[in-house]
């Protein structure tokens, strides 16, 4: 996992890059994408991709995260829109569906 805001493109040469569009295209992750829509977590093009990719990574490594686990995982994504609580709800719902 690498943060796009602190990673130079040249550092990604030869590496696989996963985007929010790639996650949305994978039916496996439909519950996560749907939960983000249901809880109105989608925001601007800056925060949402980071939050969704972090959420996917979290669920891949911890299929039953606690609220504290989710908040810790998302702590690197700072957003001014302020829908943090809804992210927790969406990820919890997606975890139950996955």
PDB file of N, CA and C in Angstrom:
ATOM      1  N   UNK A   1       0.855  -1.178   0.000  1.00  0.00           N
ATOM      2  CA  UNK A   1       0.000   0.000   0.000  1.00  0.00           C
ATOM      3  C   UNK A   1       0.896   1.235   0.000  1.00  0.00           C
ATOM      4  N   UNK A   2       0.535   2.179  -0.853  1.00  0.00           N
ATOM      5  CA  UNK A   2       1.277   3.435  -0.939  1.00  0.00           C
ATOM      6  C   UNK A   2       0.273   4.572  -1.066  1.00  0.00           C
ATOM      7  N   UNK A   3       0.584   5.676  -0.473  1.00  0.00           N
ATOM      8  CA  UNK A   3      -0.278   6.851  -0.573  1.00  0.00           C
ATOM      9  C   UNK A   3       0.046   7.607  -1.853  1.00  0.00           C
ATOM     10  N   UNK A   4      -0.974   7.820  -2.675  1.00  0.00           N
ATOM     11  CA  UNK A   4      -0.768   8.501  -3.951  1.00  0.00           C
ATOM     12  C   UNK A   4      -0.228   9.910  -3.769  1.00  0.00           C
ATOM     13  N   UNK A   5      -0.594  10.538  -2.665  1.00  0.00           N
ATOM     14  CA  UNK A   5      -0.170  11.922  -2.452  1.00  0.00           C
ATOM     15  C   UNK A   5       1.299  12.040  -2.060  1.00  0.00           C
ATOM     16  N   UNK A   6       1.924  10.929  -1.697  1.00  0.00           N
ATOM     17  CA  UNK A   6       3.328  10.986  -1.301  1.00  0.00           C
ATOM     18  C   UNK A   6       4.206  10.060  -2.137  1.00  0.00           C
ATOM     19  N   UNK A   7       3.654   9.528  -3.216  1.00  0.00           N
ATOM     20  CA  UNK A   7       4.389   8.594  -4.063  1.00  0.00           C
ATOM     21  C   UNK A   7       4.610   9.211  -5.436  1.00  0.00           C
ATOM     22  N   UNK A   8       5.836   9.251  -5.865  1.00  0.00           N
ATOM     23  CA  UNK A   8       6.155   9.766  -7.192  1.00  0.00           C
ATOM     24  C   UNK A   8       5.815   8.708  -8.236  1.00  0.00           C
ATOM     25  N   UNK A   9       5.360   9.131  -9.387  1.00  0.00           N
ATOM     26  CA  UNK A   9       4.997   8.205 -10.464  1.00  0.00           C
ATOM     27  C   UNK A   9       6.164   7.302 -10.837  1.00  0.00           C
ATOM     28  N   UNK A  10       7.361   7.828 -10.835  1.00  0.00           N
ATOM     29  CA  UNK A  10       8.545   7.049 -11.202  1.00  0.00           C
ATOM     30  C   UNK A  10       8.756   5.883 -10.234  1.00  0.00           C
ATOM     31  N   UNK A  11       8.288   6.012  -8.999  1.00  0.00           N
ATOM     32  CA  UNK A  11       8.421   4.935  -8.018  1.00  0.00           C
ATOM     33  C   UNK A  11       7.477   3.769  -8.317  1.00  0.00           C
ATOM     34  N   UNK A  12       6.505   3.982  -9.169  1.00  0.00           N
ATOM     35  CA  UNK A  12       5.490   2.965  -9.476  1.00  0.00           C
ATOM     36  C   UNK A  12       5.825   2.146 -10.708  1.00  0.00           C
ATOM     37  N   UNK A  13       6.916   2.473 -11.349  1.00  0.00           N
ATOM     38  CA  UNK A  13       7.290   1.784 -12.573  1.00  0.00           C
ATOM     39  C   UNK A  13       7.396   0.277 -12.313  1.00  0.00           C
ATOM     40  N   UNK A  14       6.651  -0.498 -13.103  1.00  0.00           N
ATOM     41  CA  UNK A  14       6.687  -1.948 -12.983  1.00  0.00           C
ATOM     42  C   UNK A  14       5.825  -2.511 -11.870  1.00  0.00           C
ATOM     43  N   UNK A  15       5.084  -1.666 -11.175  1.00  0.00           N
ATOM     44  CA  UNK A  15       4.238  -2.114 -10.070  1.00  0.00           C
ATOM     45  C   UNK A  15       2.769  -2.044 -10.456  1.00  0.00           C
ATOM     46  N   UNK A  16       1.975  -2.849  -9.814  1.00  0.00           N
ATOM     47  CA  UNK A  16       0.536  -2.845 -10.048  1.00  0.00           C
ATOM     48  C   UNK A  16      -0.091  -1.688  -9.275  1.00  0.00           C
ATOM     49  N   UNK A  17      -0.974  -0.953  -9.948  1.00  0.00           N
ATOM     50  CA  UNK A  17      -1.659   0.170  -9.312  1.00  0.00           C
ATOM     51  C   UNK A  17      -3.150  -0.134  -9.311  1.00  0.00           C
ATOM     52  N   UNK A  18      -3.748  -0.066  -8.150  1.00  0.00           N
ATOM     53  CA  UNK A  18      -5.187  -0.307  -8.041  1.00  0.00           C
ATOM     54  C   UNK A  18      -5.899   1.017  -7.824  1.00  0.00           C
ATOM     55  N   UNK A  19      -6.960   1.206  -8.584  1.00  0.00           N
ATOM     56  CA  UNK A  19      -7.718   2.451  -8.503  1.00  0.00           C
ATOM     57  C   UNK A  19      -9.137   2.167  -8.022  1.00  0.00           C
ATOM     58  N   UNK A  20      -9.837   3.225  -7.691  1.00  0.00           N
ATOM     59  CA  UNK A  20     -11.232   3.108  -7.282  1.00  0.00           C
ATOM     60  C   UNK A  20     -12.076   2.522  -8.421  1.00  0.00           C
ATOM     61  N   UNK A  21     -11.726   2.862  -9.655  1.00  0.00           N
ATOM     62  CA  UNK A  21     -12.448   2.317 -10.807  1.00  0.00           C
ATOM     63  C   UNK A  21     -12.240   0.811 -10.920  1.00  0.00           C
ATOM     64  N   UNK A  22     -11.029   0.356 -10.634  1.00  0.00           N
ATOM     65  CA  UNK A  22     -10.740  -1.075 -10.659  1.00  0.00           C
ATOM     66  C   UNK A  22     -11.492  -1.824  -9.570  1.00  0.00           C
ATOM     67  N   UNK A  23     -11.601  -1.218  -8.409  1.00  0.00           N
ATOM     68  CA  UNK A  23     -12.355  -1.836  -7.313  1.00  0.00           C
ATOM     69  C   UNK A  23     -13.824  -1.922  -7.703  1.00  0.00           C
ATOM     70  N   UNK A  24     -14.368  -0.843  -8.241  1.00  0.00           N
ATOM     71  CA  UNK A  24     -15.780  -0.809  -8.620  1.00  0.00           C
ATOM     72  C   UNK A  24     -16.099  -1.810  -9.726  1.00  0.00           C
ATOM     73  N   UNK A  25     -15.139  -2.102 -10.586  1.00  0.00           N
ATOM     74  CA  UNK A  25     -15.363  -3.039 -11.684  1.00  0.00           C
ATOM     75  C   UNK A  25     -15.313  -4.498 -11.241  1.00  0.00           C
ATOM     76  N   UNK A  26     -14.790  -4.753 -10.057  1.00  0.00           N
ATOM     77  CA  UNK A  26     -14.668  -6.116  -9.536  1.00  0.00           C
ATOM     78  C   UNK A  26     -15.912  -6.447  -8.714  1.00  0.00           C
ATOM     79  N   UNK A  27     -16.709  -7.383  -9.191  1.00  0.00           N
ATOM     80  CA  UNK A  27     -17.971  -7.751  -8.521  1.00  0.00           C
ATOM     81  C   UNK A  27     -17.767  -8.176  -7.071  1.00  0.00           C
ATOM     82  N   UNK A  28     -16.600  -8.678  -6.746  1.00  0.00           N
ATOM     83  CA  UNK A  28     -16.307  -9.079  -5.370  1.00  0.00           C
ATOM     84  C   UNK A  28     -16.529  -7.926  -4.405  1.00  0.00           C
ATOM     85  N   UNK A  29     -16.197  -6.726  -4.857  1.00  0.00           N
ATOM     86  CA  UNK A  29     -16.238  -5.558  -3.983  1.00  0.00           C
ATOM     87  C   UNK A  29     -17.512  -4.736  -4.133  1.00  0.00           C
ATOM     88  N   UNK A  30     -18.505  -5.277  -4.837  1.00  0.00           N
ATOM     89  CA  UNK A  30     -19.780  -4.593  -4.998  1.00  0.00           C
ATOM     90  C   UNK A  30     -20.413  -4.212  -3.657  1.00  0.00           C
ATOM     91  N   UNK A  31     -20.378  -5.088  -2.634  1.00  0.00           N
ATOM     92  CA  UNK A  31     -20.951  -4.684  -1.339  1.00  0.00           C
ATOM     93  C   UNK A  31     -20.300  -3.438  -0.749  1.00  0.00           C
ATOM     94  N   UNK A  32     -19.007  -3.284  -0.935  1.00  0.00           N
ATOM     95  CA  UNK A  32     -18.312  -2.103  -0.416  1.00  0.00           C
ATOM     96  C   UNK A  32     -18.710  -0.858  -1.195  1.00  0.00           C
ATOM     97  N   UNK A  33     -18.697  -0.958  -2.511  1.00  0.00           N
ATOM     98  CA  UNK A  33     -19.068   0.178  -3.356  1.00  0.00           C
ATOM     99  C   UNK A  33     -20.525   0.571  -3.097  1.00  0.00           C
ATOM    100  N   UNK A  34     -21.402  -0.425  -3.014  1.00  0.00           N
ATOM    101  CA  UNK A  34     -22.818  -0.151  -2.751  1.00  0.00           C
ATOM    102  C   UNK A  34     -23.028   0.495  -1.383  1.00  0.00           C
ATOM    103  N   UNK A  35     -22.304   0.020  -0.380  1.00  0.00           N
ATOM    104  CA  UNK A  35     -22.438   0.594   0.968  1.00  0.00           C
ATOM    105  C   UNK A  35     -21.967   2.048   0.988  1.00  0.00           C
ATOM    106  N   UNK A  36     -20.913   2.352   0.237  1.00  0.00           N
ATOM    107  CA  UNK A  36     -20.440   3.737   0.159  1.00  0.00           C
ATOM    108  C   UNK A  36     -21.504   4.630  -0.463  1.00  0.00           C
ATOM    109  N   UNK A  37     -22.214   4.100  -1.460  1.00  0.00           N
ATOM    110  CA  UNK A  37     -23.307   4.854  -2.066  1.00  0.00           C
ATOM    111  C   UNK A  37     -24.490   4.988  -1.123  1.00  0.00           C
ATOM    112  N   UNK A  38     -24.855   3.901  -0.457  1.00  0.00           N
ATOM    113  CA  UNK A  38     -25.994   3.897   0.459  1.00  0.00           C
ATOM    114  C   UNK A  38     -25.816   4.910   1.590  1.00  0.00           C
ATOM    115  N   UNK A  39     -24.610   4.986   2.134  1.00  0.00           N
ATOM    116  CA  UNK A  39     -24.348   5.886   3.256  1.00  0.00           C
ATOM    117  C   UNK A  39     -23.845   7.253   2.812  1.00  0.00           C
ATOM    118  N   UNK A  40     -23.904   7.513   1.509  1.00  0.00           N
ATOM    119  CA  UNK A  40     -23.513   8.808   0.957  1.00  0.00           C
ATOM    120  C   UNK A  40     -22.088   9.184   1.354  1.00  0.00           C
ATOM    121  N   UNK A  41     -21.190   8.219   1.219  1.00  0.00           N
ATOM    122  CA  UNK A  41     -19.782   8.453   1.561  1.00  0.00           C
ATOM    123  C   UNK A  41     -18.977   8.999   0.393  1.00  0.00           C
ATOM    124  N   UNK A  42     -19.514   8.878  -0.809  1.00  0.00           N
ATOM    125  CA  UNK A  42     -18.779   9.363  -1.968  1.00  0.00           C
ATOM    126  C   UNK A  42     -18.657  10.880  -1.885  1.00  0.00           C
ATOM    127  N   UNK A  43     -17.449  11.331  -2.058  1.00  0.00           N
ATOM    128  CA  UNK A  43     -17.176  12.750  -1.942  1.00  0.00           C
ATOM    129  C   UNK A  43     -16.448  13.211  -3.191  1.00  0.00           C
ATOM    130  N   UNK A  44     -15.605  14.172  -3.039  1.00  0.00           N
ATOM    131  CA  UNK A  44     -14.864  14.688  -4.181  1.00  0.00           C
ATOM    132  C   UNK A  44     -13.881  13.632  -4.700  1.00  0.00           C
ATOM    133  N   UNK A  45     -13.240  13.934  -5.770  1.00  0.00           N
ATOM    134  CA  UNK A  45     -12.311  12.999  -6.390  1.00  0.00           C
ATOM    135  C   UNK A  45     -10.988  12.844  -5.661  1.00  0.00           C
ATOM    136  N   UNK A  46     -10.791  13.573  -4.599  1.00  0.00           N
ATOM    137  CA  UNK A  46      -9.536  13.471  -3.846  1.00  0.00           C
ATOM    138  C   UNK A  46      -9.645  12.455  -2.718  1.00  0.00           C
ATOM    139  N   UNK A  47     -10.643  12.599  -1.885  1.00  0.00           N
ATOM    140  CA  UNK A  47     -10.748  11.766  -0.681  1.00  0.00           C
ATOM    141  C   UNK A  47     -11.319  10.390  -0.941  1.00  0.00           C
ATOM    142  N   UNK A  48     -12.371  10.316  -1.721  1.00  0.00           N
ATOM    143  CA  UNK A  48     -13.074   9.050  -1.911  1.00  0.00           C
ATOM    144  C   UNK A  48     -12.169   7.934  -2.433  1.00  0.00           C
ATOM    145  N   UNK A  49     -11.347   8.158  -3.445  1.00  0.00           N
ATOM    146  CA  UNK A  49     -10.491   7.058  -3.903  1.00  0.00           C
ATOM    147  C   UNK A  49      -9.577   6.522  -2.799  1.00  0.00           C
ATOM    148  N   UNK A  50      -9.004   7.405  -2.026  1.00  0.00           N
ATOM    149  CA  UNK A  50      -8.135   6.970  -0.935  1.00  0.00           C
ATOM    150  C   UNK A  50      -8.893   6.213   0.134  1.00  0.00           C
ATOM    151  N   UNK A  51     -10.061   6.710   0.487  1.00  0.00           N
ATOM    152  CA  UNK A  51     -10.841   6.053   1.532  1.00  0.00           C
ATOM    153  C   UNK A  51     -11.335   4.690   1.075  1.00  0.00           C
ATOM    154  N   UNK A  52     -11.798   4.586  -0.151  1.00  0.00           N
ATOM    155  CA  UNK A  52     -12.312   3.316  -0.650  1.00  0.00           C
ATOM    156  C   UNK A  52     -11.190   2.292  -0.817  1.00  0.00           C
ATOM    157  N   UNK A  53     -10.038   2.704  -1.323  1.00  0.00           N
ATOM    158  CA  UNK A  53      -8.942   1.752  -1.477  1.00  0.00           C
ATOM    159  C   UNK A  53      -8.410   1.309  -0.116  1.00  0.00           C
ATOM    160  N   UNK A  54      -8.383   2.205   0.840  1.00  0.00           N
ATOM    161  CA  UNK A  54      -7.975   1.828   2.198  1.00  0.00           C
ATOM    162  C   UNK A  54      -9.003   0.875   2.811  1.00  0.00           C
ATOM    163  N   UNK A  55     -10.278   1.136   2.596  1.00  0.00           N
ATOM    164  CA  UNK A  55     -11.331   0.264   3.118  1.00  0.00           C
ATOM    165  C   UNK A  55     -11.189  -1.141   2.535  1.00  0.00           C
ATOM    166  N   UNK A  56     -10.936  -1.234   1.234  1.00  0.00           N
ATOM    167  CA  UNK A  56     -10.745  -2.545   0.602  1.00  0.00           C
ATOM    168  C   UNK A  56      -9.548  -3.255   1.207  1.00  0.00           C
ATOM    169  N   UNK A  57      -8.451  -2.552   1.343  1.00  0.00           N
ATOM    170  CA  UNK A  57      -7.240  -3.142   1.925  1.00  0.00           C
ATOM    171  C   UNK A  57      -7.519  -3.626   3.354  1.00  0.00           C
ATOM    172  N   UNK A  58      -8.224  -2.828   4.118  1.00  0.00           N
ATOM    173  CA  UNK A  58      -8.564  -3.214   5.486  1.00  0.00           C
ATOM    174  C   UNK A  58      -9.368  -4.508   5.486  1.00  0.00           C
ATOM    175  N   UNK A  59     -10.409  -4.573   4.658  1.00  0.00           N
ATOM    176  CA  UNK A  59     -11.279  -5.747   4.636  1.00  0.00           C
ATOM    177  C   UNK A  59     -10.573  -6.990   4.092  1.00  0.00           C
ATOM    178  N   UNK A  60      -9.605  -6.797   3.226  1.00  0.00           N
ATOM    179  CA  UNK A  60      -8.813  -7.939   2.749  1.00  0.00           C
ATOM    180  C   UNK A  60      -7.988  -8.539   3.880  1.00  0.00           C
ATOM    181  N   UNK A  61      -7.522  -7.694   4.771  1.00  0.00           N
ATOM    182  CA  UNK A  61      -6.638  -8.129   5.849  1.00  0.00           C
ATOM    183  C   UNK A  61      -7.343  -8.343   7.179  1.00  0.00           C
ATOM    184  N   UNK A  62      -8.542  -7.795   7.299  1.00  0.00           N
ATOM    185  CA  UNK A  62      -9.316  -7.912   8.535  1.00  0.00           C
ATOM    186  C   UNK A  62     -10.793  -7.927   8.148  1.00  0.00           C
ATOM    187  N   UNK A  63     -11.343  -9.105   7.879  1.00  0.00           N
ATOM    188  CA  UNK A  63     -12.721  -9.179   7.396  1.00  0.00           C
ATOM    189  C   UNK A  63     -13.787  -8.761   8.412  1.00  0.00           C
ATOM    190  N   UNK A  64     -13.417  -8.636   9.657  1.00  0.00           N
ATOM    191  CA  UNK A  64     -14.368  -8.226  10.703  1.00  0.00           C
ATOM    192  C   UNK A  64     -13.785  -7.102  11.557  1.00  0.00           C
ATOM    193  N   UNK A  65     -13.532  -5.940  10.957  1.00  0.00           N
ATOM    194  CA  UNK A  65     -12.888  -4.862  11.713  1.00  0.00           C
ATOM    195  C   UNK A  65     -13.838  -4.222  12.726  1.00  0.00           C
ATOM    196  N   UNK A  66     -13.264  -3.790  13.818  1.00  0.00           N
ATOM    197  CA  UNK A  66     -14.019  -3.035  14.809  1.00  0.00           C
ATOM    198  C   UNK A  66     -14.097  -1.582  14.350  1.00  0.00           C
ATOM    199  N   UNK A  67     -14.916  -0.807  15.032  1.00  0.00           N
ATOM    200  CA  UNK A  67     -14.986   0.617  14.705  1.00  0.00           C
ATOM    201  C   UNK A  67     -13.612   1.260  14.878  1.00  0.00           C
ATOM    202  N   UNK A  68     -12.904   0.858  15.902  1.00  0.00           N
ATOM    203  CA  UNK A  68     -11.567   1.403  16.150  1.00  0.00           C
ATOM    204  C   UNK A  68     -10.606   1.028  15.016  1.00  0.00           C
ATOM    205  N   UNK A  69     -10.689  -0.222  14.531  1.00  0.00           N
ATOM    206  CA  UNK A  69      -9.851  -0.659  13.407  1.00  0.00           C
ATOM    207  C   UNK A  69     -10.118   0.205  12.173  1.00  0.00           C
ATOM    208  N   UNK A  70     -11.396   0.453  11.915  1.00  0.00           N
ATOM    209  CA  UNK A  70     -11.784   1.234  10.739  1.00  0.00           C
ATOM    210  C   UNK A  70     -11.287   2.669  10.864  1.00  0.00           C
ATOM    211  N   UNK A  71     -11.503   3.262  12.018  1.00  0.00           N
ATOM    212  CA  UNK A  71     -11.054   4.645  12.219  1.00  0.00           C
ATOM    213  C   UNK A  71      -9.541   4.775  12.092  1.00  0.00           C
ATOM    214  N   UNK A  72      -8.823   3.793  12.615  1.00  0.00           N
ATOM    215  CA  UNK A  72      -7.362   3.803  12.509  1.00  0.00           C
ATOM    216  C   UNK A  72      -6.926   3.675  11.054  1.00  0.00           C
ATOM    217  N   UNK A  73      -7.566   2.758  10.316  1.00  0.00           N
ATOM    218  CA  UNK A  73      -7.213   2.564   8.906  1.00  0.00           C
ATOM    219  C   UNK A  73      -7.463   3.823   8.089  1.00  0.00           C
ATOM    220  N   UNK A  74      -8.549   4.522   8.378  1.00  0.00           N
ATOM    221  CA  UNK A  74      -8.903   5.728   7.614  1.00  0.00           C
ATOM    222  C   UNK A  74      -8.204   6.992   8.112  1.00  0.00           C
ATOM    223  N   UNK A  75      -7.461   6.889   9.192  1.00  0.00           N
ATOM    224  CA  UNK A  75      -6.880   8.088   9.816  1.00  0.00           C
ATOM    225  C   UNK A  75      -5.905   8.840   8.914  1.00  0.00           C
ATOM    226  N   UNK A  76      -5.365   8.191   7.913  1.00  0.00           N
ATOM    227  CA  UNK A  76      -4.448   8.869   7.000  1.00  0.00           C
ATOM    228  C   UNK A  76      -5.152   9.654   5.908  1.00  0.00           C
ATOM    229  N   UNK A  77      -6.472   9.506   5.815  1.00  0.00           N
ATOM    230  CA  UNK A  77      -7.258  10.214   4.802  1.00  0.00           C
ATOM    231  C   UNK A  77      -7.980  11.386   5.451  1.00  0.00           C
ATOM    232  N   UNK A  78      -7.456  12.554   5.253  1.00  0.00           N
ATOM    233  CA  UNK A  78      -8.064  13.736   5.849  1.00  0.00           C
ATOM    234  C   UNK A  78      -8.991  14.367   4.820  1.00  0.00           C
ATOM    235  N   UNK A  79     -10.228  14.603   5.233  1.00  0.00           N
ATOM    236  CA  UNK A  79     -11.225  15.147   4.322  1.00  0.00           C
ATOM    237  C   UNK A  79     -11.984  16.273   5.013  1.00  0.00           C
ATOM    238  N   UNK A  80     -12.294  17.289   4.287  1.00  0.00           N
ATOM    239  CA  UNK A  80     -13.030  18.423   4.843  1.00  0.00           C
ATOM    240  C   UNK A  80     -14.541  18.232   4.769  1.00  0.00           C
ATOM    241  N   UNK A  81     -14.995  17.212   4.033  1.00  0.00           N
ATOM    242  CA  UNK A  81     -16.442  17.009   3.877  1.00  0.00           C
ATOM    243  C   UNK A  81     -17.085  16.461   5.145  1.00  0.00           C
ATOM    244  N   UNK A  82     -16.334  15.744   5.942  1.00  0.00           N
ATOM    245  CA  UNK A  82     -16.804  15.323   7.252  1.00  0.00           C
ATOM    246  C   UNK A  82     -17.818  14.197   7.298  1.00  0.00           C
ATOM    247  N   UNK A  83     -17.680  13.195   6.456  1.00  0.00           N
ATOM    248  CA  UNK A  83     -18.617  12.069   6.503  1.00  0.00           C
ATOM    249  C   UNK A  83     -17.980  10.851   7.177  1.00  0.00           C
ATOM    250  N   UNK A  84     -17.053  11.075   8.081  1.00  0.00           N
ATOM    251  CA  UNK A  84     -16.297   9.977   8.675  1.00  0.00           C
ATOM    252  C   UNK A  84     -17.178   8.903   9.316  1.00  0.00           C
ATOM    253  N   UNK A  85     -18.201   9.283  10.060  1.00  0.00           N
ATOM    254  CA  UNK A  85     -19.045   8.286  10.719  1.00  0.00           C
ATOM    255  C   UNK A  85     -19.741   7.407   9.696  1.00  0.00           C
ATOM    256  N   UNK A  86     -20.132   7.976   8.596  1.00  0.00           N
ATOM    257  CA  UNK A  86     -20.797   7.179   7.558  1.00  0.00           C
ATOM    258  C   UNK A  86     -19.837   6.183   6.919  1.00  0.00           C
ATOM    259  N   UNK A  87     -18.554   6.515   6.870  1.00  0.00           N
ATOM    260  CA  UNK A  87     -17.566   5.566   6.351  1.00  0.00           C
ATOM    261  C   UNK A  87     -17.506   4.341   7.241  1.00  0.00           C
ATOM    262  N   UNK A  88     -17.520   4.559   8.532  1.00  0.00           N
ATOM    263  CA  UNK A  88     -17.493   3.446   9.485  1.00  0.00           C
ATOM    264  C   UNK A  88     -18.702   2.548   9.256  1.00  0.00           C
ATOM    265  N   UNK A  89     -19.878   3.137   9.142  1.00  0.00           N
ATOM    266  CA  UNK A  89     -21.099   2.362   8.927  1.00  0.00           C
ATOM    267  C   UNK A  89     -21.032   1.590   7.610  1.00  0.00           C
ATOM    268  N   UNK A  90     -20.566   2.241   6.557  1.00  0.00           N
ATOM    269  CA  UNK A  90     -20.485   1.584   5.250  1.00  0.00           C
ATOM    270  C   UNK A  90     -19.518   0.397   5.291  1.00  0.00           C
ATOM    271  N   UNK A  91     -18.377   0.585   5.906  1.00  0.00           N
ATOM    272  CA  UNK A  91     -17.387  -0.499   5.960  1.00  0.00           C
ATOM    273  C   UNK A  91     -17.895  -1.650   6.822  1.00  0.00           C
ATOM    274  N   UNK A  92     -18.567  -1.336   7.909  1.00  0.00           N
ATOM    275  CA  UNK A  92     -19.137  -2.401   8.749  1.00  0.00           C
ATOM    276  C   UNK A  92     -20.176  -3.194   7.970  1.00  0.00           C
ATOM    277  N   UNK A  93     -21.026  -2.509   7.231  1.00  0.00           N
ATOM    278  CA  UNK A  93     -22.047  -3.197   6.429  1.00  0.00           C
ATOM    279  C   UNK A  93     -21.400  -4.043   5.332  1.00  0.00           C
ATOM    280  N   UNK A  94     -20.400  -3.503   4.679  1.00  0.00           N
ATOM    281  CA  UNK A  94     -19.703  -4.247   3.630  1.00  0.00           C
ATOM    282  C   UNK A  94     -19.012  -5.487   4.207  1.00  0.00           C
ATOM    283  N   UNK A  95     -18.412  -5.344   5.379  1.00  0.00           N
ATOM    284  CA  UNK A  95     -17.745  -6.481   6.022  1.00  0.00           C
ATOM    285  C   UNK A  95     -18.758  -7.606   6.275  1.00  0.00           C
ATOM    286  N   UNK A  96     -19.929  -7.266   6.727  1.00  0.00           N
ATOM    287  CA  UNK A  96     -20.967  -8.281   6.990  1.00  0.00           C
ATOM    288  C   UNK A  96     -21.417  -8.941   5.690  1.00  0.00           C
ATOM    289  N   UNK A  97     -21.469  -8.182   4.596  1.00  0.00           N
ATOM    290  CA  UNK A  97     -21.904  -8.723   3.311  1.00  0.00           C
ATOM    291  C   UNK A  97     -20.827  -9.553   2.621  1.00  0.00           C
ATOM    292  N   UNK A  98     -19.575  -9.212   2.885  1.00  0.00           N
ATOM    293  CA  UNK A  98     -18.474  -9.936   2.237  1.00  0.00           C
ATOM    294  C   UNK A  98     -18.228 -11.225   2.979  1.00  0.00           C
TER     295      UNK A  98
END
